[in-house]
C-alpha atoms as a PDB file:
ATOM      1  CA  MET A   1     112.961 122.432 116.305  1.00  0.00           C
ATOM      2  CA  ARG A   2     112.725 121.553 112.653  1.00  0.00           C
ATOM      3  CA  LEU A   3     115.595 123.812 111.692  1.00  0.00           C
ATOM      4  CA  ALA A   4     119.068 121.817 111.907  1.00  0.00           C
ATOM      5  CA  PRO A   5     122.072 123.452 113.641  1.00  0.00           C
ATOM      6  CA  LYS A   6     124.140 126.033 110.882  1.00  0.00           C
ATOM      7  CA  SER A   7     121.162 125.722 108.409  1.00  0.00           C
ATOM      8  CA  LYS A   8     120.932 128.186 105.999  1.00  0.00           C
ATOM      9  CA  LEU A   9     117.217 129.335 105.832  1.00  0.00           C
ATOM     10  CA  VAL A  10     116.335 131.479 102.204  1.00  0.00           C
ATOM     11  CA  MET A  11     113.109 133.273 102.586  1.00  0.00           C
ATOM     12  CA  ILE A  12     111.673 134.606  98.786  1.00  0.00           C
ATOM     13  CA  GLY A  13     108.892 136.576  97.601  1.00  0.00           C
ATOM     14  CA  ASP A  14     107.513 140.449  97.237  1.00  0.00           C
ATOM     15  CA  SER A  15     107.658 143.720  98.874  1.00  0.00           C
ATOM     16  CA  ILE A  16     106.105 141.552 102.007  1.00  0.00           C
ATOM     17  CA  THR A  17     109.599 139.757 102.068  1.00  0.00           C
ATOM     18  CA  ASP A  18     111.459 142.504 100.918  1.00  0.00           C
ATOM     19  CA  CYS A  19     110.557 144.817 103.340  1.00  0.00           C
ATOM     20  CA  GLU A  20     113.261 147.357 102.967  1.00  0.00           C
ATOM     21  CA  ARG A  21     115.954 144.856 103.036  1.00  0.00           C
ATOM     22  CA  ALA A  22     119.684 145.943 102.122  1.00  0.00           C
ATOM     23  CA  ARG A  23     120.966 146.140  98.190  1.00  0.00           C
ATOM     24  CA  PRO A  24     123.038 143.829  96.896  1.00  0.00           C
ATOM     25  CA  TYR A  25     122.661 140.948  99.049  1.00  0.00           C
ATOM     26  CA  GLY A  26     125.317 141.571 101.588  1.00  0.00           C
ATOM     27  CA  GLU A  27     126.905 139.603 104.247  1.00  0.00           C
ATOM     28  CA  GLY A  28     126.839 141.400 107.527  1.00  0.00           C
ATOM     29  CA  LEU A  29     125.257 144.342 106.281  1.00  0.00           C
ATOM     30  CA  PHE A  30     122.881 146.371 108.930  1.00  0.00           C
ATOM     31  CA  GLY A  31     119.345 146.062 107.563  1.00  0.00           C
ATOM     32  CA  ALA A  32     120.146 143.195 105.461  1.00  0.00           C
ATOM     33  CA  ILE A  33     117.466 141.596 106.926  1.00  0.00           C
ATOM     34  CA  GLY A  34     115.055 143.714 105.882  1.00  0.00           C
ATOM     35  CA  LYS A  35     112.034 145.158 108.862  1.00  0.00           C
ATOM     36  CA  GLY A  36     109.209 142.647 108.205  1.00  0.00           C
ATOM     37  CA  TYR A  37     108.237 139.070 109.137  1.00  0.00           C
ATOM     38  CA  VAL A  38     111.945 138.032 107.888  1.00  0.00           C
ATOM     39  CA  SER A  39     113.217 140.449 110.216  1.00  0.00           C
ATOM     40  CA  LEU A  40     111.388 138.738 113.080  1.00  0.00           C
ATOM     41  CA  VAL A  41     111.758 135.535 111.945  1.00  0.00           C
ATOM     42  CA  ASP A  42     115.569 135.518 112.323  1.00  0.00           C
ATOM     43  CA  ALA A  43     115.658 137.807 115.529  1.00  0.00           C
ATOM     44  CA  LEU A  44     113.118 134.611 117.219  1.00  0.00           C
ATOM     45  CA  LEU A  45     115.533 132.060 116.339  1.00  0.00           C
ATOM     46  CA  THR A  46     118.442 133.668 117.008  1.00  0.00           C
ATOM     47  CA  ALA A  47     117.055 134.567 121.078  1.00  0.00           C
ATOM     48  CA  ALA A  48     115.325 131.032 121.263  1.00  0.00           C
ATOM     49  CA  TYR A  49     118.139 128.937 119.520  1.00  0.00           C
ATOM     50  CA  PRO A  50     121.289 131.010 119.664  1.00  0.00           C
ATOM     51  CA  GLU A  51     123.261 127.812 119.845  1.00  0.00           C
ATOM     52  CA  LEU A  52     122.074 126.474 116.255  1.00  0.00           C
ATOM     53  CA  GLY A  53     123.941 129.520 114.592  1.00  0.00           C
ATOM     54  CA  ILE A  54     120.404 129.328 111.660  1.00  0.00           C
ATOM     55  CA  ARG A  55     121.346 132.212 109.064  1.00  0.00           C
ATOM     56  CA  VAL A  56     117.987 133.875 107.752  1.00  0.00           C
ATOM     57  CA  VAL A  57     118.738 135.434 104.010  1.00  0.00           C
ATOM     58  CA  ASN A  58     115.856 137.668 102.705  1.00  0.00           C
ATOM     59  CA  MET A  59     115.889 137.539  98.714  1.00  0.00           C
ATOM     60  CA  GLY A  60     112.283 139.285  98.357  1.00  0.00           C
ATOM     61  CA  ILE A  61     111.816 142.156  95.833  1.00  0.00           C
ATOM     62  CA  GLY A  62     108.699 144.244  95.787  1.00  0.00           C
ATOM     63  CA  GLY A  63     106.749 144.489  92.663  1.00  0.00           C
ATOM     64  CA  ASN A  64     107.964 140.955  92.111  1.00  0.00           C
ATOM     65  CA  THR A  65     105.703 137.654  91.084  1.00  0.00           C
ATOM     66  CA  VAL A  66     105.938 134.194  90.318  1.00  0.00           C
ATOM     67  CA  ARG A  67     107.217 135.092  87.100  1.00  0.00           C
ATOM     68  CA  ASP A  68     109.530 137.348  88.354  1.00  0.00           C
ATOM     69  CA  LEU A  69     111.359 135.094  90.794  1.00  0.00           C
ATOM     70  CA  LYS A  70     111.275 132.276  87.732  1.00  0.00           C
ATOM     71  CA  ALA A  71     113.531 135.043  86.050  1.00  0.00           C
ATOM     72  CA  ARG A  72     115.980 135.113  89.268  1.00  0.00           C
ATOM     73  CA  TRP A  73     115.687 131.523  90.469  1.00  0.00           C
ATOM     74  CA  GLN A  74     119.382 130.708  89.246  1.00  0.00           C
ATOM     75  CA  THR A  75     121.182 133.906  91.422  1.00  0.00           C
ATOM     76  CA  ASP A  76     118.727 134.428  94.203  1.00  0.00           C
ATOM     77  CA  VAL A  77     117.784 130.849  95.022  1.00  0.00           C
ATOM     78  CA  ALA A  78     120.188 128.174  93.407  1.00  0.00           C
ATOM     79  CA  ASP A  79     123.252 129.679  93.515  1.00  0.00           C
ATOM     80  CA  LEU A  80     122.555 130.095  97.370  1.00  0.00           C
ATOM     81  CA  ASN A  81     122.751 126.502  98.372  1.00  0.00           C
ATOM     82  CA  PRO A  82     120.076 126.698 100.973  1.00  0.00           C
ATOM     83  CA  ASP A  83     119.188 123.951 103.400  1.00  0.00           C
ATOM     84  CA  TRP A  84     115.617 125.231 103.872  1.00  0.00           C
ATOM     85  CA  LEU A  85     114.007 127.537 101.652  1.00  0.00           C
ATOM     86  CA  SER A  86     110.361 129.752 102.173  1.00  0.00           C
ATOM     87  CA  ILE A  87     108.424 130.846  98.920  1.00  0.00           C
ATOM     88  CA  MET A  88     105.456 133.524  99.811  1.00  0.00           C
ATOM     89  CA  ILE A  89     104.575 134.900  96.340  1.00  0.00           C
ATOM     90  CA  GLY A  90     101.251 135.712  94.522  1.00  0.00           C
ATOM     91  CA  ILE A  91     100.184 138.968  95.536  1.00  0.00           C
ATOM     92  CA  ASN A  92     100.790 140.900  92.862  1.00  0.00           C
ATOM     93  CA  ASP A  93      99.699 137.831  90.335  1.00  0.00           C
ATOM     94  CA  VAL A  94      96.578 138.446  91.990  1.00  0.00           C
ATOM     95  CA  TRP A  95      96.692 142.074  92.834  1.00  0.00           C
ATOM     96  CA  ARG A  96      97.462 143.613  89.062  1.00  0.00           C
ATOM     97  CA  GLN A  97      94.644 142.089  87.932  1.00  0.00           C
ATOM     98  CA  TYR A  98      92.387 144.626  89.951  1.00  0.00           C
ATOM     99  CA  ASP A  99      94.525 148.044  89.788  1.00  0.00           C
ATOM    100  CA  MET A 100      95.767 147.433  86.496  1.00  0.00           C
ATOM    101  CA  PRO A 101      92.871 145.809  84.477  1.00  0.00           C
ATOM    102  CA  GLY A 102      93.875 147.224  81.604  1.00  0.00           C
ATOM    103  CA  GLN A 103      97.620 146.733  81.827  1.00  0.00           C
ATOM    104  CA  THR A 104      96.719 142.733  80.722  1.00  0.00           C
ATOM    105  CA  GLU A 105     100.618 142.588  80.041  1.00  0.00           C
ATOM    106  CA  LYS A 106     101.411 142.459  83.592  1.00  0.00           C
ATOM    107  CA  HIS A 107      98.672 139.888  84.994  1.00  0.00           C
ATOM    108  CA  VAL A 108      99.550 136.629  85.849  1.00  0.00           C
ATOM    109  CA  TYR A 109      96.299 134.454  85.375  1.00  0.00           C
ATOM    110  CA  ILE A 110      96.179 131.201  88.227  1.00  0.00           C
ATOM    111  CA  GLU A 111      97.204 128.534  85.080  1.00  0.00           C
ATOM    112  CA  GLU A 112     100.369 130.417  84.542  1.00  0.00           C
ATOM    113  CA  TYR A 113     100.982 130.722  88.194  1.00  0.00           C
ATOM    114  CA  GLU A 114     100.251 127.081  89.760  1.00  0.00           C
ATOM    115  CA  GLU A 115     102.756 126.298  86.404  1.00  0.00           C
ATOM    116  CA  THR A 116     105.451 128.309  87.184  1.00  0.00           C
ATOM    117  CA  LEU A 117     105.318 127.756  90.829  1.00  0.00           C
ATOM    118  CA  GLU A 118     104.996 123.852  90.401  1.00  0.00           C
ATOM    119  CA  GLU A 119     108.284 123.917  87.792  1.00  0.00           C
ATOM    120  CA  LEU A 120     110.457 126.100  91.008  1.00  0.00           C
ATOM    121  CA  VAL A 121     109.212 123.550  93.500  1.00  0.00           C
ATOM    122  CA  ALA A 122     109.589 120.247  91.348  1.00  0.00           C
ATOM    123  CA  ARG A 123     113.364 122.068  90.255  1.00  0.00           C
ATOM    124  CA  THR A 124     114.257 123.134  93.062  1.00  0.00           C
ATOM    125  CA  ARG A 125     112.928 120.588  96.171  1.00  0.00           C
ATOM    126  CA  PRO A 126     115.352 117.761  95.871  1.00  0.00           C
ATOM    127  CA  ARG A 127     118.015 120.149  96.903  1.00  0.00           C
ATOM    128  CA  LEU A 128     116.118 120.912  99.885  1.00  0.00           C
ATOM    129  CA  GLN A 129     116.562 119.896 103.444  1.00  0.00           C
ATOM    130  CA  GLY A 130     112.937 121.349 103.902  1.00  0.00           C
ATOM    131  CA  LEU A 131     111.057 123.750 102.066  1.00  0.00           C
ATOM    132  CA  VAL A 132     107.830 125.932 103.458  1.00  0.00           C
ATOM    133  CA  LEU A 133     105.550 127.900 100.891  1.00  0.00           C
ATOM    134  CA  MET A 134     103.357 130.734 102.071  1.00  0.00           C
ATOM    135  CA  THR A 135      99.669 130.965 100.549  1.00  0.00           C
ATOM    136  CA  PRO A 136      99.166 135.024  99.735  1.00  0.00           C
ATOM    137  CA  PHE A 137      96.609 137.123 101.550  1.00  0.00           C
ATOM    138  CA  TYR A 138      94.524 139.829 101.160  1.00  0.00           C
ATOM    139  CA  ILE A 139      93.536 141.484 104.845  1.00  0.00           C
ATOM    140  CA  GLU A 140      90.071 141.605 103.978  1.00  0.00           C
ATOM    141  CA  SER A 141      87.444 139.521 106.483  1.00  0.00           C
ATOM    142  CA  ASN A 142      84.511 139.943 103.277  1.00  0.00           C
ATOM    143  CA  ALA A 143      85.645 136.662 102.000  1.00  0.00           C
ATOM    144  CA  ALA A 144      83.070 137.423  99.428  1.00  0.00           C
ATOM    145  CA  ASP A 145      85.399 140.776  98.050  1.00  0.00           C
ATOM    146  CA  PRO A 146      86.343 140.083  94.637  1.00  0.00           C
ATOM    147  CA  MET A 147      89.643 140.444  94.879  1.00  0.00           C
ATOM    148  CA  ARG A 148      89.728 138.013  98.538  1.00  0.00           C
ATOM    149  CA  ARG A 149      88.012 135.311  96.667  1.00  0.00           C
ATOM    150  CA  THR A 150      90.407 135.513  93.915  1.00  0.00           C
ATOM    151  CA  MET A 151      93.584 135.332  96.131  1.00  0.00           C
ATOM    152  CA  ASP A 152      91.921 132.417  98.271  1.00  0.00           C
ATOM    153  CA  ARG A 153      91.541 130.279  94.654  1.00  0.00           C
ATOM    154  CA  TYR A 154      95.989 131.250  94.587  1.00  0.00           C
ATOM    155  CA  GLY A 155      96.372 130.109  98.246  1.00  0.00           C
ATOM    156  CA  GLU A 156      95.066 126.536  97.055  1.00  0.00           C
ATOM    157  CA  VAL A 157      97.208 126.254  94.849  1.00  0.00           C
ATOM    158  CA  VAL A 158      99.836 126.725  97.100  1.00  0.00           C
ATOM    159  CA  LYS A 159      98.147 124.201  99.344  1.00  0.00           C
ATOM    160  CA  ARG A 160      98.305 121.486  96.446  1.00  0.00           C
ATOM    161  CA  ILE A 161     101.430 121.732  95.564  1.00  0.00           C
ATOM    162  CA  ALA A 162     102.982 121.868  98.813  1.00  0.00           C
ATOM    163  CA  ALA A 163     101.268 118.531  99.568  1.00  0.00           C
ATOM    164  CA  LYS A 164     102.749 117.204  95.897  1.00  0.00           C
ATOM    165  CA  HIS A 165     105.885 118.221  97.005  1.00  0.00           C
ATOM    166  CA  ASP A 166     106.131 117.243 101.195  1.00  0.00           C
ATOM    167  CA  ALA A 167     106.445 120.930 101.464  1.00  0.00           C
ATOM    168  CA  LEU A 168     105.595 122.560 105.145  1.00  0.00           C
ATOM    169  CA  PHE A 169     102.257 124.606 104.122  1.00  0.00           C
ATOM    170  CA  VAL A 170     101.553 127.741 105.883  1.00  0.00           C
ATOM    171  CA  ASP A 171      97.825 129.687 105.179  1.00  0.00           C
ATOM    172  CA  THR A 172      98.912 132.895 106.140  1.00  0.00           C
ATOM    173  CA  GLN A 173      94.888 134.037 104.852  1.00  0.00           C
ATOM    174  CA  ALA A 174      93.479 131.771 108.007  1.00  0.00           C
ATOM    175  CA  ALA A 175      96.391 133.275 110.375  1.00  0.00           C
ATOM    176  CA  PHE A 176      94.921 136.865 109.072  1.00  0.00           C
ATOM    177  CA  ASN A 177      91.418 135.991 109.327  1.00  0.00           C
ATOM    178  CA  GLN A 178      91.914 135.222 113.208  1.00  0.00           C
ATOM    179  CA  VAL A 179      93.041 138.048 114.019  1.00  0.00           C
ATOM    180  CA  LEU A 180      90.328 139.752 111.604  1.00  0.00           C
ATOM    181  CA  ASN A 181      87.453 138.504 113.979  1.00  0.00           C
ATOM    182  CA  HIS A 182      88.617 141.020 116.646  1.00  0.00           C
ATOM    183  CA  LEU A 183      90.348 143.979 114.165  1.00  0.00           C
ATOM    184  CA  TYR A 184      89.487 145.929 111.404  1.00  0.00           C
ATOM    185  CA  SER A 185      91.618 145.460 108.076  1.00  0.00           C
ATOM    186  CA  ALA A 186      92.811 148.742 108.550  1.00  0.00           C
ATOM    187  CA  THR A 187      94.387 148.272 111.872  1.00  0.00           C
ATOM    188  CA  LEU A 188      97.145 145.501 110.271  1.00  0.00           C
ATOM    189  CA  ALA A 189      97.409 147.094 106.590  1.00  0.00           C
ATOM    190  CA  TRP A 190      96.168 150.686 105.406  1.00  0.00           C
ATOM    191  CA  ASP A 191      95.700 148.643 101.762  1.00  0.00           C
ATOM    192  CA  ARG A 192      95.121 145.655 102.776  1.00  0.00           C
ATOM    193  CA  VAL A 193      98.070 144.145 101.475  1.00  0.00           C
ATOM    194  CA  HIS A 194     101.293 145.572 102.883  1.00  0.00           C
ATOM    195  CA  PRO A 195     100.960 144.477 106.917  1.00  0.00           C
ATOM    196  CA  THR A 196     102.064 147.295 110.143  1.00  0.00           C
ATOM    197  CA  MET A 197     104.613 145.390 112.165  1.00  0.00           C
ATOM    198  CA  ALA A 198     101.672 143.654 113.851  1.00  0.00           C
ATOM    199  CA  GLY A 199     100.479 142.178 110.404  1.00  0.00           C
ATOM    200  CA  HIS A 200     104.135 140.885 109.863  1.00  0.00           C
ATOM    201  CA  ALA A 201     104.567 139.263 113.043  1.00  0.00           C
ATOM    202  CA  VAL A 202     100.683 137.000 112.478  1.00  0.00           C
ATOM    203  CA  ILE A 203     103.084 135.584 109.133  1.00  0.00           C
ATOM    204  CA  ALA A 204     106.327 135.197 111.382  1.00  0.00           C
ATOM    205  CA  ARG A 205     104.467 133.719 113.700  1.00  0.00           C
ATOM    206  CA  ALA A 206     102.655 131.156 111.126  1.00  0.00           C
ATOM    207  CA  PHE A 207     105.897 130.744 109.689  1.00  0.00           C
ATOM    208  CA  LEU A 208     107.816 130.263 113.032  1.00  0.00           C
ATOM    209  CA  GLN A 209     104.880 127.821 114.496  1.00  0.00           C
ATOM    210  CA  SER A 210     105.121 125.040 110.534  1.00  0.00           C
ATOM    211  CA  ILE A 211     108.957 124.633 111.996  1.00  0.00           C
ATOM    212  CA  GLY A 212     108.015 123.889 115.263  1.00  0.00           C
ATOM    213  CA  PHE A 213     109.420 126.875 117.068  1.00  0.00           C
ATOM    214  CA  GLU A 214     109.030 126.641 120.549  1.00  0.00           C
ATOM    215  CA  TYR A 215     108.154 129.952 122.294  1.00  0.00           C
ATOM    216  CA  GLY A 216     109.099 129.057 125.962  1.00  0.00           C
ATOM    217  CA  ARG A 217     112.438 127.464 124.650  1.00  0.00           C
ATOM    218  CA  GLY A 218     115.090 129.249 127.906  1.00  0.00           C
ATOM    219  CA  LEU A 219     112.772 130.963 129.805  1.00  0.00           C
END
């Protein structure tokens, strides 16, 4: 498992990461970790690797785009001095182009998305022991769906940046696609974006696999 003892893992993103975490960021608050994939990662790391004392910090904020992450990067990433950082952003960058087509000021097109994510990663990577970059996703099995097609392009941006900066790459769309071979999308997310607990488990499993988590450890 890649995380060293006493590592601090900060996980930043939008509502999928946020998932009702406590505010403001507080030490030891019940529910501070939220109710989504971050809570599953935290629980499984604690259960399987109790001796490592890994600390997971949830810094997701619902509705965020990569533009919003840039605005709060100093306080919500740099000032926390993480050992490991996980970033999953891009859903709203794409979604606003489809659910609010007339409000172009809310759109984060792919050029800005790539430039901003690249800037944040380049600035932060030298200070980290490890970085995990996770693609945005759309829980839609039809790859020709317009929003799904655009989301896949943003996912390719994440893949390029991960390769360039020696980051672990998690293809969340591919993880969902495996499940969508057997289930209708509404069983994982009513709006194809905000996952059920099963959907959050898909994300958590993909993340944990990337860091070398051993499910059978200690059993």
